[in-house]
Amino acid sequence: MNELFDLISFQSSRLTTMSYSTSFSMGIRLFSKRYRYPIYVIYGFVRFAGEIVDSLQESDARNYSNGSGKIRGWLSWKESG
């Protein structure tokens, strides 16, 4: 089961990289095969994390803060800088 998860995760990350950035994915091919896997995985993770953050609206953030103000504080920081 773990091997299947790893394979699907890698394929998803590779597809994400190739779909979002053709020039970056072409550049990855210049590296030896042993370096390609971690680059695809890191890019896929960062891209999805970025999409989540970018899609988070302030009104949605209030729903998730549970009164702690952590997300509101983060949004204030993001807007100021």
PDB file of N, CA and C in Angstrom:
ATOM      1  N   MET A   1       0.820  -1.194   0.000  1.00  0.00           N
ATOM      2  CA  MET A   1       0.000   0.000   0.000  1.00  0.00           C
ATOM      3  C   MET A   1       0.864   1.258   0.000  1.00  0.00           C
ATOM      4  N   ASN A   2       1.944   1.246   0.766  1.00  0.00           N
ATOM      5  CA  ASN A   2       2.825   2.402   0.827  1.00  0.00           C
ATOM      6  C   ASN A   2       3.480   2.670  -0.529  1.00  0.00           C
ATOM      7  N   GLU A   3       3.857   1.625  -1.239  1.00  0.00           N
ATOM      8  CA  GLU A   3       4.467   1.791  -2.561  1.00  0.00           C
ATOM      9  C   GLU A   3       3.482   2.416  -3.536  1.00  0.00           C
ATOM     10  N   LEU A   4       2.220   1.999  -3.464  1.00  0.00           N
ATOM     11  CA  LEU A   4       1.192   2.563  -4.332  1.00  0.00           C
ATOM     12  C   LEU A   4       0.997   4.044  -4.033  1.00  0.00           C
ATOM     13  N   PHE A   5       0.935   4.394  -2.753  1.00  0.00           N
ATOM     14  CA  PHE A   5       0.794   5.795  -2.359  1.00  0.00           C
ATOM     15  C   PHE A   5       1.970   6.626  -2.867  1.00  0.00           C
ATOM     16  N   ASP A   6       3.178   6.119  -2.687  1.00  0.00           N
ATOM     17  CA  ASP A   6       4.370   6.833  -3.153  1.00  0.00           C
ATOM     18  C   ASP A   6       4.339   7.032  -4.664  1.00  0.00           C
ATOM     19  N   LEU A   7       3.941   6.005  -5.393  1.00  0.00           N
ATOM     20  CA  LEU A   7       3.873   6.094  -6.847  1.00  0.00           C
ATOM     21  C   LEU A   7       2.845   7.126  -7.297  1.00  0.00           C
ATOM     22  N   ILE A   8       1.657   7.082  -6.703  1.00  0.00           N
ATOM     23  CA  ILE A   8       0.605   8.033  -7.067  1.00  0.00           C
ATOM     24  C   ILE A   8       1.012   9.451  -6.687  1.00  0.00           C
ATOM     25  N   SER A   9       1.634   9.616  -5.531  1.00  0.00           N
ATOM     26  CA  SER A   9       2.091  10.944  -5.101  1.00  0.00           C
ATOM     27  C   SER A   9       3.130  11.500  -6.065  1.00  0.00           C
ATOM     28  N   PHE A  10       4.077  10.660  -6.468  1.00  0.00           N
ATOM     29  CA  PHE A  10       5.100  11.107  -7.408  1.00  0.00           C
ATOM     30  C   PHE A  10       4.485  11.472  -8.750  1.00  0.00           C
ATOM     31  N   GLN A  11       3.603  10.616  -9.257  1.00  0.00           N
ATOM     32  CA  GLN A  11       2.986  10.893 -10.555  1.00  0.00           C
ATOM     33  C   GLN A  11       2.162  12.172 -10.513  1.00  0.00           C
ATOM     34  N   SER A  12       1.471  12.391  -9.405  1.00  0.00           N
ATOM     35  CA  SER A  12       0.694  13.616  -9.237  1.00  0.00           C
ATOM     36  C   SER A  12       1.604  14.842  -9.207  1.00  0.00           C
ATOM     37  N   SER A  13       2.708  14.745  -8.485  1.00  0.00           N
ATOM     38  CA  SER A  13       3.657  15.861  -8.412  1.00  0.00           C
ATOM     39  C   SER A  13       4.300  16.138  -9.766  1.00  0.00           C
ATOM     40  N   ARG A  14       4.633  15.096 -10.470  1.00  0.00           N
ATOM     41  CA  ARG A  14       5.243  15.254 -11.798  1.00  0.00           C
ATOM     42  C   ARG A  14       4.254  15.894 -12.768  1.00  0.00           C
ATOM     43  N   LEU A  15       3.016  15.426 -12.760  1.00  0.00           N
ATOM     44  CA  LEU A  15       1.986  15.995 -13.623  1.00  0.00           C
ATOM     45  C   LEU A  15       1.719  17.455 -13.268  1.00  0.00           C
ATOM     46  N   THR A  16       1.698  17.760 -11.973  1.00  0.00           N
ATOM     47  CA  THR A  16       1.508  19.139 -11.527  1.00  0.00           C
ATOM     48  C   THR A  16       2.631  20.024 -12.046  1.00  0.00           C
ATOM     49  N   THR A  17       3.858  19.571 -11.916  1.00  0.00           N
ATOM     50  CA  THR A  17       5.011  20.340 -12.386  1.00  0.00           C
ATOM     51  C   THR A  17       4.936  20.569 -13.885  1.00  0.00           C
ATOM     52  N   MET A  18       4.640  19.531 -14.617  1.00  0.00           N
ATOM     53  CA  MET A  18       4.593  19.637 -16.073  1.00  0.00           C
ATOM     54  C   MET A  18       3.427  20.509 -16.542  1.00  0.00           C
ATOM     55  N   SER A  19       2.327  20.511 -15.795  1.00  0.00           N
ATOM     56  CA  SER A  19       1.153  21.289 -16.184  1.00  0.00           C
ATOM     57  C   SER A  19       1.284  22.765 -15.835  1.00  0.00           C
ATOM     58  N   TYR A  20       1.869  23.060 -14.689  1.00  0.00           N
ATOM     59  CA  TYR A  20       1.958  24.443 -14.239  1.00  0.00           C
ATOM     60  C   TYR A  20       3.163  25.184 -14.802  1.00  0.00           C
ATOM     61  N   SER A  21       4.240  24.503 -15.077  1.00  0.00           N
ATOM     62  CA  SER A  21       5.452  25.190 -15.523  1.00  0.00           C
ATOM     63  C   SER A  21       6.209  24.333 -16.533  1.00  0.00           C
ATOM     64  N   THR A  22       5.948  24.605 -17.796  1.00  0.00           N
ATOM     65  CA  THR A  22       6.613  23.806 -18.828  1.00  0.00           C
ATOM     66  C   THR A  22       8.109  24.080 -18.870  1.00  0.00           C
ATOM     67  N   SER A  23       8.502  25.333 -18.680  1.00  0.00           N
ATOM     68  CA  SER A  23       9.936  25.639 -18.736  1.00  0.00           C
ATOM     69  C   SER A  23      10.679  25.027 -17.550  1.00  0.00           C
ATOM     70  N   PHE A  24      10.077  25.068 -16.364  1.00  0.00           N
ATOM     71  CA  PHE A  24      10.709  24.479 -15.188  1.00  0.00           C
ATOM     72  C   PHE A  24      10.806  22.968 -15.344  1.00  0.00           C
ATOM     73  N   SER A  25       9.739  22.343 -15.847  1.00  0.00           N
ATOM     74  CA  SER A  25       9.779  20.888 -16.011  1.00  0.00           C
ATOM     75  C   SER A  25      10.793  20.480 -17.071  1.00  0.00           C
ATOM     76  N   MET A  26      10.994  21.314 -18.081  1.00  0.00           N
ATOM     77  CA  MET A  26      12.040  21.016 -19.068  1.00  0.00           C
ATOM     78  C   MET A  26      13.416  21.146 -18.431  1.00  0.00           C
ATOM     79  N   GLY A  27      13.580  22.127 -17.557  1.00  0.00           N
ATOM     80  CA  GLY A  27      14.849  22.308 -16.864  1.00  0.00           C
ATOM     81  C   GLY A  27      15.191  21.155 -15.939  1.00  0.00           C
ATOM     82  N   ILE A  28      14.170  20.565 -15.341  1.00  0.00           N
ATOM     83  CA  ILE A  28      14.392  19.419 -14.453  1.00  0.00           C
ATOM     84  C   ILE A  28      15.037  18.271 -15.211  1.00  0.00           C
ATOM     85  N   ARG A  29      14.708  18.138 -16.466  1.00  0.00           N
ATOM     86  CA  ARG A  29      15.253  17.036 -17.271  1.00  0.00           C
ATOM     87  C   ARG A  29      16.761  17.147 -17.473  1.00  0.00           C
ATOM     88  N   LEU A  30      17.323  18.314 -17.217  1.00  0.00           N
ATOM     89  CA  LEU A  30      18.770  18.486 -17.332  1.00  0.00           C
ATOM     90  C   LEU A  30      19.514  17.830 -16.164  1.00  0.00           C
ATOM     91  N   PHE A  31      18.799  17.603 -15.065  1.00  0.00           N
ATOM     92  CA  PHE A  31      19.405  16.935 -13.913  1.00  0.00           C
ATOM     93  C   PHE A  31      19.432  15.428 -14.140  1.00  0.00           C
ATOM     94  N   SER A  32      20.321  14.758 -13.442  1.00  0.00           N
ATOM     95  CA  SER A  32      20.331  13.295 -13.515  1.00  0.00           C
ATOM     96  C   SER A  32      19.047  12.761 -12.879  1.00  0.00           C
ATOM     97  N   LYS A  33      18.683  11.544 -13.210  1.00  0.00           N
ATOM     98  CA  LYS A  33      17.418  10.969 -12.746  1.00  0.00           C
ATOM     99  C   LYS A  33      17.306  10.928 -11.226  1.00  0.00           C
ATOM    100  N   ARG A  34      18.422  10.787 -10.537  1.00  0.00           N
ATOM    101  CA  ARG A  34      18.351  10.693  -9.071  1.00  0.00           C
ATOM    102  C   ARG A  34      17.891  11.999  -8.427  1.00  0.00           C
ATOM    103  N   TYR A  35      18.059  13.130  -9.118  1.00  0.00           N
ATOM    104  CA  TYR A  35      17.621  14.416  -8.576  1.00  0.00           C
ATOM    105  C   TYR A  35      16.215  14.803  -9.026  1.00  0.00           C
ATOM    106  N   ARG A  36      15.720  14.213 -10.072  1.00  0.00           N
ATOM    107  CA  ARG A  36      14.411  14.594 -10.609  1.00  0.00           C
ATOM    108  C   ARG A  36      13.284  14.282  -9.637  1.00  0.00           C
ATOM    109  N   TYR A  37      13.319  13.098  -9.054  1.00  0.00           N
ATOM    110  CA  TYR A  37      12.244  12.682  -8.145  1.00  0.00           C
ATOM    111  C   TYR A  37      12.031  13.700  -7.021  1.00  0.00           C
ATOM    112  N   PRO A  38      13.072  14.048  -6.248  1.00  0.00           N
ATOM    113  CA  PRO A  38      12.827  15.002  -5.158  1.00  0.00           C
ATOM    114  C   PRO A  38      12.409  16.384  -5.649  1.00  0.00           C
ATOM    115  N   ILE A  39      12.891  16.800  -6.812  1.00  0.00           N
ATOM    116  CA  ILE A  39      12.492  18.111  -7.331  1.00  0.00           C
ATOM    117  C   ILE A  39      11.011  18.113  -7.675  1.00  0.00           C
ATOM    118  N   TYR A  40      10.545  17.078  -8.367  1.00  0.00           N
ATOM    119  CA  TYR A  40       9.119  16.984  -8.689  1.00  0.00           C
ATOM    120  C   TYR A  40       8.264  16.973  -7.426  1.00  0.00           C
ATOM    121  N   VAL A  41       8.676  16.200  -6.436  1.00  0.00           N
ATOM    122  CA  VAL A  41       7.892  16.065  -5.208  1.00  0.00           C
ATOM    123  C   VAL A  41       7.822  17.391  -4.459  1.00  0.00           C
ATOM    124  N   ILE A  42       8.943  18.072  -4.332  1.00  0.00           N
ATOM    125  CA  ILE A  42       8.954  19.360  -3.630  1.00  0.00           C
ATOM    126  C   ILE A  42       8.123  20.384  -4.385  1.00  0.00           C
ATOM    127  N   TYR A  43       8.291  20.460  -5.695  1.00  0.00           N
ATOM    128  CA  TYR A  43       7.519  21.424  -6.482  1.00  0.00           C
ATOM    129  C   TYR A  43       6.024  21.146  -6.353  1.00  0.00           C
ATOM    130  N   GLY A  44       5.625  19.876  -6.462  1.00  0.00           N
ATOM    131  CA  GLY A  44       4.211  19.527  -6.341  1.00  0.00           C
ATOM    132  C   GLY A  44       3.636  19.928  -4.996  1.00  0.00           C
ATOM    133  N   PHE A  45       4.377  19.663  -3.928  1.00  0.00           N
ATOM    134  CA  PHE A  45       3.921  20.028  -2.588  1.00  0.00           C
ATOM    135  C   PHE A  45       3.778  21.541  -2.446  1.00  0.00           C
ATOM    136  N   VAL A  46       4.791  22.271  -2.869  1.00  0.00           N
ATOM    137  CA  VAL A  46       4.779  23.726  -2.726  1.00  0.00           C
ATOM    138  C   VAL A  46       3.692  24.351  -3.593  1.00  0.00           C
ATOM    139  N   ARG A  47       3.500  23.824  -4.781  1.00  0.00           N
ATOM    140  CA  ARG A  47       2.471  24.354  -5.674  1.00  0.00           C
ATOM    141  C   ARG A  47       1.086  24.188  -5.062  1.00  0.00           C
ATOM    142  N   PHE A  48       0.783  22.995  -4.537  1.00  0.00           N
ATOM    143  CA  PHE A  48      -0.525  22.778  -3.920  1.00  0.00           C
ATOM    144  C   PHE A  48      -0.693  23.614  -2.659  1.00  0.00           C
ATOM    145  N   ALA A  49       0.345  23.736  -1.867  1.00  0.00           N
ATOM    146  CA  ALA A  49       0.267  24.579  -0.670  1.00  0.00           C
ATOM    147  C   ALA A  49       0.008  26.027  -1.065  1.00  0.00           C
ATOM    148  N   GLY A  50       0.676  26.488  -2.109  1.00  0.00           N
ATOM    149  CA  GLY A  50       0.457  27.846  -2.598  1.00  0.00           C
ATOM    150  C   GLY A  50      -0.951  28.062  -3.105  1.00  0.00           C
ATOM    151  N   GLU A  51      -1.496  27.082  -3.782  1.00  0.00           N
ATOM    152  CA  GLU A  51      -2.868  27.185  -4.276  1.00  0.00           C
ATOM    153  C   GLU A  51      -3.859  27.276  -3.121  1.00  0.00           C
ATOM    154  N   ILE A  52      -3.622  26.517  -2.066  1.00  0.00           N
ATOM    155  CA  ILE A  52      -4.506  26.564  -0.898  1.00  0.00           C
ATOM    156  C   ILE A  52      -4.456  27.943  -0.259  1.00  0.00           C
ATOM    157  N   VAL A  53      -3.264  28.462  -0.052  1.00  0.00           N
ATOM    158  CA  VAL A  53      -3.110  29.777   0.568  1.00  0.00           C
ATOM    159  C   VAL A  53      -3.725  30.857  -0.311  1.00  0.00           C
ATOM    160  N   ASP A  54      -3.475  30.799  -1.608  1.00  0.00           N
ATOM    161  CA  ASP A  54      -4.002  31.816  -2.515  1.00  0.00           C
ATOM    162  C   ASP A  54      -5.520  31.797  -2.599  1.00  0.00           C
ATOM    163  N   SER A  55      -6.115  30.632  -2.452  1.00  0.00           N
ATOM    164  CA  SER A  55      -7.568  30.529  -2.572  1.00  0.00           C
ATOM    165  C   SER A  55      -8.298  30.836  -1.267  1.00  0.00           C
ATOM    166  N   LEU A  56      -7.556  30.958  -0.188  1.00  0.00           N
ATOM    167  CA  LEU A  56      -8.163  31.232   1.110  1.00  0.00           C
ATOM    168  C   LEU A  56      -8.560  32.708   1.185  1.00  0.00           C
ATOM    169  N   GLN A  57      -9.818  32.954   1.259  1.00  0.00           N
ATOM    170  CA  GLN A  57     -10.313  34.325   1.356  1.00  0.00           C
ATOM    171  C   GLN A  57     -10.448  34.711   2.825  1.00  0.00           C
ATOM    172  N   GLU A  58     -10.448  36.011   3.090  1.00  0.00           N
ATOM    173  CA  GLU A  58     -10.525  36.470   4.474  1.00  0.00           C
ATOM    174  C   GLU A  58     -11.803  35.989   5.154  1.00  0.00           C
ATOM    175  N   SER A  59     -12.920  35.976   4.447  1.00  0.00           N
ATOM    176  CA  SER A  59     -14.162  35.506   5.065  1.00  0.00           C
ATOM    177  C   SER A  59     -14.068  34.030   5.423  1.00  0.00           C
ATOM    178  N   ASP A  60     -13.405  33.245   4.589  1.00  0.00           N
ATOM    179  CA  ASP A  60     -13.206  31.834   4.900  1.00  0.00           C
ATOM    180  C   ASP A  60     -12.282  31.674   6.100  1.00  0.00           C
ATOM    181  N   ALA A  61     -11.288  32.527   6.197  1.00  0.00           N
ATOM    182  CA  ALA A  61     -10.322  32.436   7.290  1.00  0.00           C
ATOM    183  C   ALA A  61     -11.002  32.636   8.637  1.00  0.00           C
ATOM    184  N   ARG A  62     -11.972  33.531   8.687  1.00  0.00           N
ATOM    185  CA  ARG A  62     -12.686  33.748   9.950  1.00  0.00           C
ATOM    186  C   ARG A  62     -13.403  32.480  10.401  1.00  0.00           C
ATOM    187  N   ASN A  63     -13.903  31.722   9.445  1.00  0.00           N
ATOM    188  CA  ASN A  63     -14.587  30.477   9.793  1.00  0.00           C
ATOM    189  C   ASN A  63     -13.628  29.452  10.376  1.00  0.00           C
ATOM    190  N   TYR A  64     -12.371  29.497   9.991  1.00  0.00           N
ATOM    191  CA  TYR A  64     -11.398  28.504  10.428  1.00  0.00           C
ATOM    192  C   TYR A  64     -10.593  28.930  11.645  1.00  0.00           C
ATOM    193  N   SER A  65     -10.727  30.175  12.070  1.00  0.00           N
ATOM    194  CA  SER A  65      -9.863  30.657  13.148  1.00  0.00           C
ATOM    195  C   SER A  65     -10.296  30.165  14.527  1.00  0.00           C
ATOM    196  N   ASN A  66     -11.567  29.785  14.683  1.00  0.00           N
ATOM    197  CA  ASN A  66     -12.076  29.301  15.973  1.00  0.00           C
ATOM    198  C   ASN A  66     -11.804  30.289  17.104  1.00  0.00           C
ATOM    199  N   GLY A  67     -11.837  31.562  16.795  1.00  0.00           N
ATOM    200  CA  GLY A  67     -11.651  32.575  17.814  1.00  0.00           C
ATOM    201  C   GLY A  67     -10.218  32.788  18.239  1.00  0.00           C
ATOM    202  N   SER A  68      -9.290  32.021  17.721  1.00  0.00           N
ATOM    203  CA  SER A  68      -7.901  32.160  18.161  1.00  0.00           C
ATOM    204  C   SER A  68      -7.225  33.362  17.533  1.00  0.00           C
ATOM    205  N   GLY A  69      -7.729  33.813  16.406  1.00  0.00           N
ATOM    206  CA  GLY A  69      -7.145  34.965  15.742  1.00  0.00           C
ATOM    207  C   GLY A  69      -5.873  34.675  14.981  1.00  0.00           C
ATOM    208  N   LYS A  70      -5.412  33.433  14.965  1.00  0.00           N
ATOM    209  CA  LYS A  70      -4.152  33.119  14.292  1.00  0.00           C
ATOM    210  C   LYS A  70      -4.232  33.389  12.800  1.00  0.00           C
ATOM    211  N   ILE A  71      -5.313  32.968  12.184  1.00  0.00           N
ATOM    212  CA  ILE A  71      -5.427  33.180  10.739  1.00  0.00           C
ATOM    213  C   ILE A  71      -5.650  34.652  10.449  1.00  0.00           C
ATOM    214  N   ARG A  72      -6.460  35.332  11.275  1.00  0.00           N
ATOM    215  CA  ARG A  72      -6.652  36.768  11.060  1.00  0.00           C
ATOM    216  C   ARG A  72      -5.325  37.517  11.194  1.00  0.00           C
ATOM    217  N   GLY A  73      -4.511  37.112  12.151  1.00  0.00           N
ATOM    218  CA  GLY A  73      -3.201  37.739  12.309  1.00  0.00           C
ATOM    219  C   GLY A  73      -2.316  37.503  11.107  1.00  0.00           C
ATOM    220  N   TRP A  74      -2.384  36.303  10.565  1.00  0.00           N
ATOM    221  CA  TRP A  74      -1.605  35.988   9.366  1.00  0.00           C
ATOM    222  C   TRP A  74      -2.087  36.824   8.195  1.00  0.00           C
ATOM    223  N   LEU A  75      -3.416  36.969   8.065  1.00  0.00           N
ATOM    224  CA  LEU A  75      -3.943  37.769   6.960  1.00  0.00           C
ATOM    225  C   LEU A  75      -3.519  39.226   7.095  1.00  0.00           C
ATOM    226  N   SER A  76      -3.514  39.750   8.314  1.00  0.00           N
ATOM    227  CA  SER A  76      -3.069  41.129   8.519  1.00  0.00           C
ATOM    228  C   SER A  76      -1.617  41.291   8.116  1.00  0.00           C
ATOM    229  N   TRP A  77      -0.794  40.314   8.469  1.00  0.00           N
ATOM    230  CA  TRP A  77       0.619  40.356   8.100  1.00  0.00           C
ATOM    231  C   TRP A  77       0.773  40.297   6.591  1.00  0.00           C
ATOM    232  N   LYS A  78       0.000  39.419   5.937  1.00  0.00           N
ATOM    233  CA  LYS A  78       0.087  39.250   4.488  1.00  0.00           C
ATOM    234  C   LYS A  78      -0.313  40.535   3.771  1.00  0.00           C
ATOM    235  N   GLU A  79      -1.371  41.186   4.245  1.00  0.00           N
ATOM    236  CA  GLU A  79      -1.844  42.408   3.604  1.00  0.00           C
ATOM    237  C   GLU A  79      -0.869  43.564   3.794  1.00  0.00           C
ATOM    238  N   SER A  80      -0.151  43.597   4.906  1.00  0.00           N
ATOM    239  CA  SER A  80       0.759  44.708   5.168  1.00  0.00           C
ATOM    240  C   SER A  80       2.098  44.561   4.470  1.00  0.00           C
ATOM    241  N   GLY A  81       2.430  43.352   4.039  1.00  0.00           N
ATOM    242  CA  GLY A  81       3.762  43.197   3.480  1.00  0.00           C
ATOM    243  C   GLY A  81       3.787  42.488   2.224  1.00  0.00           C
TER     244      GLY A  81
END
